[in-house]
Protein backbone atom coordinates (compact mmCIF):
# COMPACT_ATOMS: atom_id res chain seq x y z
CA UNK A 1 0.00 0.00 0.00
CA UNK A 2 0.88 3.65 -0.14
CA UNK A 3 2.24 5.10 3.12
CA UNK A 4 0.42 7.96 4.81
CA UNK A 5 2.74 10.15 6.89
CA UNK A 6 1.70 12.70 9.54
CA UNK A 7 3.71 15.50 11.13
CA UNK A 8 3.12 18.71 13.03
CA UNK A 9 4.31 21.71 11.02
CA UNK A 10 3.69 25.23 9.77
CA UNK A 11 2.25 26.31 6.43
CA UNK A 12 1.08 29.67 5.05
CA UNK A 13 -2.47 28.28 4.74
CA UNK A 14 -2.96 26.95 8.28
CA UNK A 15 -0.13 28.32 10.44
CA UNK A 16 0.84 25.66 13.00
CA UNK A 17 -1.17 22.55 12.16
CA UNK A 18 -1.19 18.81 11.64
CA UNK A 19 -0.04 17.84 8.14
CA UNK A 20 -0.34 14.62 6.16
CA UNK A 21 1.42 13.24 3.11
CA UNK A 22 0.02 10.43 0.95
CA UNK A 23 2.90 8.65 -0.79
CA UNK A 24 5.10 11.19 -2.57
CA UNK A 25 2.38 13.87 -2.80
CA UNK A 26 2.89 17.32 -1.27
CA UNK A 27 2.21 17.84 2.45
CA UNK A 28 -1.41 18.93 3.07
CA UNK A 29 -3.06 20.32 6.21
CA UNK A 30 -5.48 17.95 7.95
CA UNK A 31 -8.83 19.66 7.59
CA UNK A 32 -10.38 20.62 10.90
CA UNK A 33 -13.10 23.16 11.66
CA UNK A 34 -11.92 26.76 12.10
CA UNK A 35 -12.91 26.66 15.78
CA UNK A 36 -10.59 23.70 16.51
CA UNK A 37 -6.78 23.90 16.54
CA UNK A 38 -4.36 20.98 16.72
CA UNK A 39 -1.53 22.13 18.98
CA UNK A 40 0.50 18.92 19.26
CA UNK A 41 0.75 15.34 18.10
CA UNK A 42 2.68 12.25 19.14
CA UNK A 43 2.83 8.91 17.32
CA UNK A 44 4.03 5.67 18.91
CA UNK A 45 4.71 2.71 16.61
CA UNK A 46 5.36 -0.81 17.87
CA UNK A 47 7.14 -3.13 17.61
CA UNK A 48 10.47 -1.32 17.38
CA UNK A 49 11.62 -3.81 14.74
CA UNK A 50 10.19 -4.58 11.31
CA UNK A 51 7.62 -7.37 11.90
CA UNK A 52 8.39 -8.73 8.44
CA UNK A 53 12.16 -8.99 9.09
CA UNK A 54 13.74 -12.36 9.78
CA UNK A 55 16.52 -13.31 12.16
CA UNK A 56 19.57 -15.41 11.23
CA UNK A 57 17.54 -18.64 11.47
CA UNK A 58 14.83 -17.38 9.09
CA UNK A 59 12.30 -16.84 11.90
CA UNK A 60 10.27 -13.69 12.39
CA UNK A 61 12.33 -11.06 14.24
CA UNK A 62 9.22 -10.11 16.25
CA UNK A 63 5.87 -11.78 16.90
CA UNK A 64 4.44 -8.63 18.45
CA UNK A 65 1.36 -7.33 16.65
CA UNK A 66 2.08 -4.01 14.84
CA UNK A 67 0.15 -1.02 16.13
CA UNK A 68 0.16 2.76 16.00
CA UNK A 69 -1.00 4.88 18.95
CA UNK A 70 -1.80 8.50 18.11
CA UNK A 71 -2.18 11.36 20.60
CA UNK A 72 -3.57 14.71 19.46
CA UNK A 73 -3.65 17.79 21.67
CA UNK A 74 -6.26 20.32 20.60
CA UNK A 75 -7.93 23.47 21.83
CA UNK A 76 -10.85 25.63 20.88
CA UNK A 77 -9.77 28.72 18.95
CA UNK A 78 -11.93 31.01 21.07
CA UNK A 79 -10.62 29.63 24.38
CA UNK A 80 -6.94 28.65 24.41
CA UNK A 81 -7.32 27.58 28.06
CA UNK A 82 -9.72 24.79 27.07
CA UNK A 83 -7.39 22.06 25.80
CA UNK A 84 -7.93 18.36 25.52
CA UNK A 85 -5.96 15.34 24.40
CA UNK A 86 -7.39 12.48 22.39
CA UNK A 87 -5.82 9.10 21.87
CA UNK A 88 -6.52 6.18 19.55
CA UNK A 89 -4.68 3.00 18.73
CA UNK A 90 -4.83 1.40 15.29
CA UNK A 91 -3.86 -2.20 14.69
CA UNK A 92 -4.53 -5.08 12.36
CA UNK A 93 -5.65 -8.44 13.67
CA UNK A 94 -4.05 -10.20 10.74
CA UNK A 95 -1.03 -9.52 8.60
CA UNK A 96 0.63 -11.89 6.18
CA UNK A 97 4.37 -12.40 6.35
PDB file of N, CA and C in Angstrom:
ATOM      1  N   UNK A   1       0.813  -1.187   0.000  1.00  0.00           N
ATOM      2  CA  UNK A   1       0.000   0.000   0.000  1.00  0.00           C
ATOM      3  C   UNK A   1       0.856   1.250   0.000  1.00  0.00           C
ATOM      4  N   UNK A   2       0.211   2.355  -0.136  1.00  0.00           N
ATOM      5  CA  UNK A   2       0.878   3.654  -0.141  1.00  0.00           C
ATOM      6  C   UNK A   2       0.948   4.192   1.275  1.00  0.00           C
ATOM      7  N   UNK A   3       2.144   4.586   1.740  1.00  0.00           N
ATOM      8  CA  UNK A   3       2.239   5.103   3.119  1.00  0.00           C
ATOM      9  C   UNK A   3       1.565   6.460   3.263  1.00  0.00           C
ATOM     10  N   UNK A   4       0.977   6.661   4.431  1.00  0.00           N
ATOM     11  CA  UNK A   4       0.424   7.960   4.810  1.00  0.00           C
ATOM     12  C   UNK A   4       1.248   8.436   5.995  1.00  0.00           C
ATOM     13  N   UNK A   5       1.838   9.621   5.874  1.00  0.00           N
ATOM     14  CA  UNK A   5       2.738  10.153   6.889  1.00  0.00           C
ATOM     15  C   UNK A   5       2.129  11.411   7.494  1.00  0.00           C
ATOM     16  N   UNK A   6       2.199  11.521   8.830  1.00  0.00           N
ATOM     17  CA  UNK A   6       1.705  12.697   9.543  1.00  0.00           C
ATOM     18  C   UNK A   6       2.865  13.410  10.221  1.00  0.00           C
ATOM     19  N   UNK A   7       2.749  14.727  10.348  1.00  0.00           N
ATOM     20  CA  UNK A   7       3.711  15.502  11.131  1.00  0.00           C
ATOM     21  C   UNK A   7       3.046  16.814  11.537  1.00  0.00           C
ATOM     22  N   UNK A   8       3.587  17.409  12.576  1.00  0.00           N
ATOM     23  CA  UNK A   8       3.121  18.712  13.032  1.00  0.00           C
ATOM     24  C   UNK A   8       4.036  19.738  12.380  1.00  0.00           C
ATOM     25  N   UNK A   9       3.474  20.735  11.712  1.00  0.00           N
ATOM     26  CA  UNK A   9       4.307  21.706  11.019  1.00  0.00           C
ATOM     27  C   UNK A   9       3.602  23.031  10.833  1.00  0.00           C
ATOM     28  N   UNK A  10       4.204  23.894  10.030  1.00  0.00           N
ATOM     29  CA  UNK A  10       3.689  25.228   9.771  1.00  0.00           C
ATOM     30  C   UNK A  10       3.575  25.433   8.269  1.00  0.00           C
ATOM     31  N   UNK A  11       2.442  25.956   7.840  1.00  0.00           N
ATOM     32  CA  UNK A  11       2.254  26.308   6.430  1.00  0.00           C
ATOM     33  C   UNK A  11       1.620  27.693   6.351  1.00  0.00           C
ATOM     34  N   UNK A  12       1.734  28.365   5.195  1.00  0.00           N
ATOM     35  CA  UNK A  12       1.078  29.674   5.050  1.00  0.00           C
ATOM     36  C   UNK A  12      -0.441  29.577   5.158  1.00  0.00           C
ATOM     37  N   UNK A  13      -1.015  28.431   4.741  1.00  0.00           N
ATOM     38  CA  UNK A  13      -2.470  28.281   4.736  1.00  0.00           C
ATOM     39  C   UNK A  13      -3.057  28.074   6.128  1.00  0.00           C
ATOM     40  N   UNK A  14      -2.345  27.311   6.986  1.00  0.00           N
ATOM     41  CA  UNK A  14      -2.958  26.954   8.279  1.00  0.00           C
ATOM     42  C   UNK A  14      -2.148  27.387   9.487  1.00  0.00           C
ATOM     43  N   UNK A  15      -0.985  27.989   9.292  1.00  0.00           N
ATOM     44  CA  UNK A  15      -0.132  28.318  10.441  1.00  0.00           C
ATOM     45  C   UNK A  15       0.420  27.037  11.027  1.00  0.00           C
ATOM     46  N   UNK A  16       0.421  26.898  12.352  1.00  0.00           N
ATOM     47  CA  UNK A  16       0.838  25.659  12.998  1.00  0.00           C
ATOM     48  C   UNK A  16      -0.313  24.667  12.931  1.00  0.00           C
ATOM     49  N   UNK A  17      -0.076  23.511  12.316  1.00  0.00           N
ATOM     50  CA  UNK A  17      -1.165  22.552  12.161  1.00  0.00           C
ATOM     51  C   UNK A  17      -0.616  21.147  11.919  1.00  0.00           C
ATOM     52  N   UNK A  18      -1.525  20.190  11.941  1.00  0.00           N
ATOM     53  CA  UNK A  18      -1.194  18.806  11.640  1.00  0.00           C
ATOM     54  C   UNK A  18      -1.223  18.636  10.126  1.00  0.00           C
ATOM     55  N   UNK A  19      -0.163  18.033   9.581  1.00  0.00           N
ATOM     56  CA  UNK A  19      -0.042  17.842   8.138  1.00  0.00           C
ATOM     57  C   UNK A  19      -0.015  16.351   7.806  1.00  0.00           C
ATOM     58  N   UNK A  20      -0.462  15.999   6.596  1.00  0.00           N
ATOM     59  CA  UNK A  20      -0.344  14.624   6.157  1.00  0.00           C
ATOM     60  C   UNK A  20       0.185  14.581   4.742  1.00  0.00           C
ATOM     61  N   UNK A  21       0.861  13.470   4.436  1.00  0.00           N
ATOM     62  CA  UNK A  21       1.419  13.244   3.106  1.00  0.00           C
ATOM     63  C   UNK A  21       1.013  11.841   2.681  1.00  0.00           C
ATOM     64  N   UNK A  22       0.436  11.720   1.494  1.00  0.00           N
ATOM     65  CA  UNK A  22       0.025  10.432   0.946  1.00  0.00           C
ATOM     66  C   UNK A  22       1.026  10.047  -0.134  1.00  0.00           C
ATOM     67  N   UNK A  23       1.863   9.036   0.157  1.00  0.00           N
ATOM     68  CA  UNK A  23       2.904   8.647  -0.789  1.00  0.00           C
ATOM     69  C   UNK A  23       3.894   9.778  -0.982  1.00  0.00           C
ATOM     70  N   UNK A  24       4.137  10.132  -2.253  1.00  0.00           N
ATOM     71  CA  UNK A  24       5.102  11.192  -2.569  1.00  0.00           C
ATOM     72  C   UNK A  24       4.422  12.536  -2.828  1.00  0.00           C
ATOM     73  N   UNK A  25       3.106  12.617  -2.572  1.00  0.00           N
ATOM     74  CA  UNK A  25       2.384  13.865  -2.796  1.00  0.00           C
ATOM     75  C   UNK A  25       2.861  14.952  -1.835  1.00  0.00           C
ATOM     76  N   UNK A  26       2.507  16.189  -2.118  1.00  0.00           N
ATOM     77  CA  UNK A  26       2.889  17.322  -1.271  1.00  0.00           C
ATOM     78  C   UNK A  26       2.174  17.230   0.084  1.00  0.00           C
ATOM     79  N   UNK A  27       2.811  17.797   1.118  1.00  0.00           N
ATOM     80  CA  UNK A  27       2.207  17.839   2.454  1.00  0.00           C
ATOM     81  C   UNK A  27       0.961  18.692   2.403  1.00  0.00           C
ATOM     82  N   UNK A  28      -0.131  18.218   3.036  1.00  0.00           N
ATOM     83  CA  UNK A  28      -1.409  18.928   3.071  1.00  0.00           C
ATOM     84  C   UNK A  28      -1.878  19.070   4.517  1.00  0.00           C
ATOM     85  N   UNK A  29      -2.502  20.197   4.864  1.00  0.00           N
ATOM     86  CA  UNK A  29      -3.057  20.323   6.211  1.00  0.00           C
ATOM     87  C   UNK A  29      -4.215  19.337   6.406  1.00  0.00           C
ATOM     88  N   UNK A  30      -4.328  18.769   7.607  1.00  0.00           N
ATOM     89  CA  UNK A  30      -5.480  17.947   7.946  1.00  0.00           C
ATOM     90  C   UNK A  30      -6.627  18.911   8.201  1.00  0.00           C
ATOM     91  N   UNK A  31      -7.702  18.726   7.485  1.00  0.00           N
ATOM     92  CA  UNK A  31      -8.833  19.658   7.586  1.00  0.00           C
ATOM     93  C   UNK A  31      -9.561  19.492   8.910  1.00  0.00           C
ATOM     94  N   UNK A  32      -9.613  20.565   9.659  1.00  0.00           N
ATOM     95  CA  UNK A  32     -10.376  20.621  10.904  1.00  0.00           C
ATOM     96  C   UNK A  32     -11.225  21.882  10.864  1.00  0.00           C
ATOM     97  N   UNK A  33     -12.295  21.931  11.626  1.00  0.00           N
ATOM     98  CA  UNK A  33     -13.104  23.158  11.658  1.00  0.00           C
ATOM     99  C   UNK A  33     -12.266  24.347  12.128  1.00  0.00           C
ATOM    100  N   UNK A  34     -12.648  25.544  11.717  1.00  0.00           N
ATOM    101  CA  UNK A  34     -11.919  26.760  12.099  1.00  0.00           C
ATOM    102  C   UNK A  34     -11.855  26.952  13.607  1.00  0.00           C
ATOM    103  N   UNK A  35     -12.849  26.465  14.339  1.00  0.00           N
ATOM    104  CA  UNK A  35     -12.913  26.658  15.783  1.00  0.00           C
ATOM    105  C   UNK A  35     -12.055  25.668  16.554  1.00  0.00           C
ATOM    106  N   UNK A  36     -11.412  24.722  15.859  1.00  0.00           N
ATOM    107  CA  UNK A  36     -10.586  23.703  16.513  1.00  0.00           C
ATOM    108  C   UNK A  36      -9.152  23.785  16.000  1.00  0.00           C
ATOM    109  N   UNK A  37      -8.195  23.842  16.914  1.00  0.00           N
ATOM    110  CA  UNK A  37      -6.783  23.897  16.541  1.00  0.00           C
ATOM    111  C   UNK A  37      -6.064  22.677  17.093  1.00  0.00           C
ATOM    112  N   UNK A  38      -5.234  22.053  16.256  1.00  0.00           N
ATOM    113  CA  UNK A  38      -4.357  20.982  16.718  1.00  0.00           C
ATOM    114  C   UNK A  38      -3.058  21.633  17.159  1.00  0.00           C
ATOM    115  N   UNK A  39      -2.704  21.448  18.436  1.00  0.00           N
ATOM    116  CA  UNK A  39      -1.528  22.126  18.978  1.00  0.00           C
ATOM    117  C   UNK A  39      -0.359  21.176  19.232  1.00  0.00           C
ATOM    118  N   UNK A  40      -0.583  19.881  19.066  1.00  0.00           N
ATOM    119  CA  UNK A  40       0.498  18.919  19.256  1.00  0.00           C
ATOM    120  C   UNK A  40       0.062  17.537  18.819  1.00  0.00           C
ATOM    121  N   UNK A  41       1.033  16.721  18.476  1.00  0.00           N
ATOM    122  CA  UNK A  41       0.748  15.344  18.097  1.00  0.00           C
ATOM    123  C   UNK A  41       1.943  14.462  18.437  1.00  0.00           C
ATOM    124  N   UNK A  42       1.643  13.230  18.842  1.00  0.00           N
ATOM    125  CA  UNK A  42       2.675  12.246  19.143  1.00  0.00           C
ATOM    126  C   UNK A  42       2.212  10.919  18.558  1.00  0.00           C
ATOM    127  N   UNK A  43       3.131  10.200  17.914  1.00  0.00           N
ATOM    128  CA  UNK A  43       2.833   8.908  17.322  1.00  0.00           C
ATOM    129  C   UNK A  43       3.777   7.877  17.912  1.00  0.00           C
ATOM    130  N   UNK A  44       3.226   6.776  18.403  1.00  0.00           N
ATOM    131  CA  UNK A  44       4.027   5.665  18.908  1.00  0.00           C
ATOM    132  C   UNK A  44       3.761   4.450  18.025  1.00  0.00           C
ATOM    133  N   UNK A  45       4.819   3.883  17.469  1.00  0.00           N
ATOM    134  CA  UNK A  45       4.706   2.709  16.605  1.00  0.00           C
ATOM    135  C   UNK A  45       5.413   1.538  17.262  1.00  0.00           C
ATOM    136  N   UNK A  46       4.742   0.388  17.326  1.00  0.00           N
ATOM    137  CA  UNK A  46       5.365  -0.810  17.869  1.00  0.00           C
ATOM    138  C   UNK A  46       5.056  -1.970  16.936  1.00  0.00           C
ATOM    139  N   UNK A  47       5.900  -2.960  16.858  1.00  0.00           N
ATOM    140  CA  UNK A  47       7.141  -3.132  17.607  1.00  0.00           C
ATOM    141  C   UNK A  47       8.236  -2.212  17.067  1.00  0.00           C
ATOM    142  N   UNK A  48       9.349  -2.166  17.787  1.00  0.00           N
ATOM    143  CA  UNK A  48      10.470  -1.318  17.376  1.00  0.00           C
ATOM    144  C   UNK A  48      11.280  -1.929  16.247  1.00  0.00           C
ATOM    145  N   UNK A  49      10.943  -3.160  15.865  1.00  0.00           N
ATOM    146  CA  UNK A  49      11.621  -3.813  14.741  1.00  0.00           C
ATOM    147  C   UNK A  49      10.591  -4.101  13.659  1.00  0.00           C
ATOM    148  N   UNK A  50      11.047  -4.253  12.444  1.00  0.00           N
ATOM    149  CA  UNK A  50      10.186  -4.579  11.310  1.00  0.00           C
ATOM    150  C   UNK A  50       9.567  -5.959  11.536  1.00  0.00           C
ATOM    151  N   UNK A  51       8.240  -6.074  11.631  1.00  0.00           N
ATOM    152  CA  UNK A  51       7.617  -7.375  11.897  1.00  0.00           C
ATOM    153  C   UNK A  51       7.772  -8.355  10.735  1.00  0.00           C
ATOM    154  N   UNK A  52       8.185  -7.867   9.594  1.00  0.00           N
ATOM    155  CA  UNK A  52       8.395  -8.728   8.436  1.00  0.00           C
ATOM    156  C   UNK A  52       9.845  -9.189   8.321  1.00  0.00           C
ATOM    157  N   UNK A  53      10.746  -8.612   9.137  1.00  0.00           N
ATOM    158  CA  UNK A  53      12.161  -8.986   9.094  1.00  0.00           C
ATOM    159  C   UNK A  53      12.355 -10.374   9.698  1.00  0.00           C
ATOM    160  N   UNK A  54      13.415 -11.032   9.267  1.00  0.00           N
ATOM    161  CA  UNK A  54      13.740 -12.364   9.781  1.00  0.00           C
ATOM    162  C   UNK A  54      15.093 -12.335  10.473  1.00  0.00           C
ATOM    163  N   UNK A  55      15.236 -13.194  11.484  1.00  0.00           N
ATOM    164  CA  UNK A  55      16.515 -13.310  12.160  1.00  0.00           C
ATOM    165  C   UNK A  55      17.424 -14.250  11.365  1.00  0.00           C
ATOM    166  N   UNK A  56      18.586 -14.583  11.926  1.00  0.00           N
ATOM    167  CA  UNK A  56      19.574 -15.412  11.231  1.00  0.00           C
ATOM    168  C   UNK A  56      19.067 -16.821  10.923  1.00  0.00           C
ATOM    169  N   UNK A  57      18.085 -17.301  11.677  1.00  0.00           N
ATOM    170  CA  UNK A  57      17.542 -18.644  11.467  1.00  0.00           C
ATOM    171  C   UNK A  57      16.316 -18.629  10.544  1.00  0.00           C
ATOM    172  N   UNK A  58      15.970 -17.476   9.988  1.00  0.00           N
ATOM    173  CA  UNK A  58      14.827 -17.381   9.092  1.00  0.00           C
ATOM    174  C   UNK A  58      13.494 -17.248   9.799  1.00  0.00           C
ATOM    175  N   UNK A  59      13.526 -17.024  11.117  1.00  0.00           N
ATOM    176  CA  UNK A  59      12.304 -16.844  11.899  1.00  0.00           C
ATOM    177  C   UNK A  59      11.957 -15.347  11.963  1.00  0.00           C
ATOM    178  N   UNK A  60      10.708 -15.081  12.264  1.00  0.00           N
ATOM    179  CA  UNK A  60      10.270 -13.692  12.394  1.00  0.00           C
ATOM    180  C   UNK A  60      11.061 -13.003  13.505  1.00  0.00           C
ATOM    181  N   UNK A  61      11.546 -11.805  13.240  1.00  0.00           N
ATOM    182  CA  UNK A  61      12.327 -11.057  14.236  1.00  0.00           C
ATOM    183  C   UNK A  61      11.448 -10.633  15.413  1.00  0.00           C
ATOM    184  N   UNK A  62      10.141 -10.496  15.178  1.00  0.00           N
ATOM    185  CA  UNK A  62       9.216 -10.114  16.246  1.00  0.00           C
ATOM    186  C   UNK A  62       7.859 -10.740  15.978  1.00  0.00           C
ATOM    187  N   UNK A  63       7.234 -11.274  17.030  1.00  0.00           N
ATOM    188  CA  UNK A  63       5.872 -11.782  16.898  1.00  0.00           C
ATOM    189  C   UNK A  63       4.859 -10.815  17.503  1.00  0.00           C
ATOM    190  N   UNK A  64       5.332  -9.640  17.882  1.00  0.00           N
ATOM    191  CA  UNK A  64       4.444  -8.631  18.449  1.00  0.00           C
ATOM    192  C   UNK A  64       3.569  -8.047  17.341  1.00  0.00           C
ATOM    193  N   UNK A  65       2.294  -7.861  17.633  1.00  0.00           N
ATOM    194  CA  UNK A  65       1.358  -7.328  16.652  1.00  0.00           C
ATOM    195  C   UNK A  65       1.642  -5.846  16.403  1.00  0.00           C
ATOM    196  N   UNK A  66       1.830  -5.426  15.130  1.00  0.00           N
ATOM    197  CA  UNK A  66       2.083  -4.014  14.838  1.00  0.00           C
ATOM    198  C   UNK A  66       0.889  -3.142  15.232  1.00  0.00           C
ATOM    199  N   UNK A  67       1.204  -1.974  15.796  1.00  0.00           N
ATOM    200  CA  UNK A  67       0.149  -1.024  16.131  1.00  0.00           C
ATOM    201  C   UNK A  67       0.709   0.390  16.138  1.00  0.00           C
ATOM    202  N   UNK A  68      -0.181   1.336  15.939  1.00  0.00           N
ATOM    203  CA  UNK A  68       0.159   2.758  16.000  1.00  0.00           C
ATOM    204  C   UNK A  68      -0.777   3.420  17.004  1.00  0.00           C
ATOM    205  N   UNK A  69      -0.212   4.123  17.984  1.00  0.00           N
ATOM    206  CA  UNK A  69      -1.000   4.884  18.948  1.00  0.00           C
ATOM    207  C   UNK A  69      -0.769   6.359  18.651  1.00  0.00           C
ATOM    208  N   UNK A  70      -1.854   7.097  18.528  1.00  0.00           N
ATOM    209  CA  UNK A  70      -1.804   8.499  18.114  1.00  0.00           C
ATOM    210  C   UNK A  70      -2.425   9.359  19.206  1.00  0.00           C
ATOM    211  N   UNK A  71      -1.683  10.371  19.645  1.00  0.00           N
ATOM    212  CA  UNK A  71      -2.182  11.359  20.595  1.00  0.00           C
ATOM    213  C   UNK A  71      -2.287  12.703  19.870  1.00  0.00           C
ATOM    214  N   UNK A  72      -3.412  13.367  20.012  1.00  0.00           N
ATOM    215  CA  UNK A  72      -3.575  14.713  19.461  1.00  0.00           C
ATOM    216  C   UNK A  72      -3.973  15.650  20.591  1.00  0.00           C
ATOM    217  N   UNK A  73      -3.273  16.765  20.698  1.00  0.00           N
ATOM    218  CA  UNK A  73      -3.646  17.792  21.669  1.00  0.00           C
ATOM    219  C   UNK A  73      -4.316  18.912  20.881  1.00  0.00           C
ATOM    220  N   UNK A  74      -5.485  19.308  21.314  1.00  0.00           N
ATOM    221  CA  UNK A  74      -6.255  20.323  20.603  1.00  0.00           C
ATOM    222  C   UNK A  74      -6.809  21.339  21.585  1.00  0.00           C
ATOM    223  N   UNK A  75      -7.212  22.478  21.021  1.00  0.00           N
ATOM    224  CA  UNK A  75      -7.934  23.467  21.828  1.00  0.00           C
ATOM    225  C   UNK A  75      -8.927  24.187  20.944  1.00  0.00           C
ATOM    226  N   UNK A  76      -9.862  24.846  21.597  1.00  0.00           N
ATOM    227  CA  UNK A  76     -10.851  25.632  20.877  1.00  0.00           C
ATOM    228  C   UNK A  76     -10.252  26.992  20.575  1.00  0.00           C
ATOM    229  N   UNK A  77     -10.395  27.464  19.360  1.00  0.00           N
ATOM    230  CA  UNK A  77      -9.774  28.724  18.945  1.00  0.00           C
ATOM    231  C   UNK A  77     -10.187  29.891  19.816  1.00  0.00           C
ATOM    232  N   UNK A  78     -11.451  29.882  20.267  1.00  0.00           N
ATOM    233  CA  UNK A  78     -11.934  31.008  21.068  1.00  0.00           C
ATOM    234  C   UNK A  78     -11.411  30.971  22.497  1.00  0.00           C
ATOM    235  N   UNK A  79     -11.010  29.777  22.975  1.00  0.00           N
ATOM    236  CA  UNK A  79     -10.624  29.626  24.376  1.00  0.00           C
ATOM    237  C   UNK A  79      -9.373  28.762  24.469  1.00  0.00           C
ATOM    238  N   UNK A  80      -8.207  29.391  24.396  1.00  0.00           N
ATOM    239  CA  UNK A  80      -6.939  28.651  24.411  1.00  0.00           C
ATOM    240  C   UNK A  80      -6.727  27.896  25.719  1.00  0.00           C
ATOM    241  N   UNK A  81      -7.457  28.276  26.785  1.00  0.00           N
ATOM    242  CA  UNK A  81      -7.322  27.581  28.064  1.00  0.00           C
ATOM    243  C   UNK A  81      -8.049  26.239  28.077  1.00  0.00           C
ATOM    244  N   UNK A  82      -8.957  26.034  27.139  1.00  0.00           N
ATOM    245  CA  UNK A  82      -9.723  24.794  27.069  1.00  0.00           C
ATOM    246  C   UNK A  82      -9.023  23.846  26.096  1.00  0.00           C
ATOM    247  N   UNK A  83      -8.126  23.010  26.635  1.00  0.00           N
ATOM    248  CA  UNK A  83      -7.389  22.064  25.803  1.00  0.00           C
ATOM    249  C   UNK A  83      -7.794  20.645  26.181  1.00  0.00           C
ATOM    250  N   UNK A  84      -7.672  19.758  25.236  1.00  0.00           N
ATOM    251  CA  UNK A  84      -7.935  18.363  25.519  1.00  0.00           C
ATOM    252  C   UNK A  84      -7.069  17.486  24.626  1.00  0.00           C
ATOM    253  N   UNK A  85      -6.787  16.294  25.111  1.00  0.00           N
ATOM    254  CA  UNK A  85      -5.958  15.340  24.396  1.00  0.00           C
ATOM    255  C   UNK A  85      -6.805  14.124  24.050  1.00  0.00           C
ATOM    256  N   UNK A  86      -6.707  13.698  22.815  1.00  0.00           N
ATOM    257  CA  UNK A  86      -7.392  12.484  22.385  1.00  0.00           C
ATOM    258  C   UNK A  86      -6.349  11.440  22.024  1.00  0.00           C
ATOM    259  N   UNK A  87      -6.736  10.199  22.158  1.00  0.00           N
ATOM    260  CA  UNK A  87      -5.823   9.095  21.875  1.00  0.00           C
ATOM    261  C   UNK A  87      -6.599   7.998  21.159  1.00  0.00           C
ATOM    262  N   UNK A  88      -5.964   7.368  20.183  1.00  0.00           N
ATOM    263  CA  UNK A  88      -6.524   6.183  19.551  1.00  0.00           C
ATOM    264  C   UNK A  88      -5.384   5.256  19.168  1.00  0.00           C
ATOM    265  N   UNK A  89      -5.666   3.984  19.145  1.00  0.00           N
ATOM    266  CA  UNK A  89      -4.677   2.997  18.726  1.00  0.00           C
ATOM    267  C   UNK A  89      -5.248   2.232  17.546  1.00  0.00           C
ATOM    268  N   UNK A  90      -4.439   2.099  16.513  1.00  0.00           N
ATOM    269  CA  UNK A  90      -4.835   1.402  15.293  1.00  0.00           C
ATOM    270  C   UNK A  90      -3.964   0.164  15.160  1.00  0.00           C
ATOM    271  N   UNK A  91      -4.593  -0.960  14.856  1.00  0.00           N
ATOM    272  CA  UNK A  91      -3.860  -2.203  14.689  1.00  0.00           C
ATOM    273  C   UNK A  91      -4.591  -3.081  13.693  1.00  0.00           C
ATOM    274  N   UNK A  92      -3.929  -4.110  13.258  1.00  0.00           N
ATOM    275  CA  UNK A  92      -4.534  -5.077  12.360  1.00  0.00           C
ATOM    276  C   UNK A  92      -4.503  -6.437  13.041  1.00  0.00           C
ATOM    277  N   UNK A  93      -5.600  -7.137  13.015  1.00  0.00           N
ATOM    278  CA  UNK A  93      -5.647  -8.441  13.673  1.00  0.00           C
ATOM    279  C   UNK A  93      -4.913  -9.489  12.847  1.00  0.00           C
ATOM    280  N   UNK A  94      -4.688  -9.206  11.593  1.00  0.00           N
ATOM    281  CA  UNK A  94      -4.054 -10.195  10.740  1.00  0.00           C
ATOM    282  C   UNK A  94      -3.117  -9.492   9.763  1.00  0.00           C
ATOM    283  N   UNK A  95      -1.928  -9.995   9.648  1.00  0.00           N
ATOM    284  CA  UNK A  95      -1.030  -9.517   8.599  1.00  0.00           C
ATOM    285  C   UNK A  95      -0.243 -10.715   8.095  1.00  0.00           C
ATOM    286  N   UNK A  96      -0.028 -10.747   6.807  1.00  0.00           N
ATOM    287  CA  UNK A  96       0.631 -11.886   6.179  1.00  0.00           C
ATOM    288  C   UNK A  96       2.112 -11.600   6.062  1.00  0.00           C
ATOM    289  N   UNK A  97       2.921 -12.548   6.491  1.00  0.00           N
ATOM    290  CA  UNK A  97       4.369 -12.400   6.347  1.00  0.00           C
ATOM    291  C   UNK A  97       4.820 -13.070   5.083  1.00  0.00           C
TER     292      UNK A  97
END
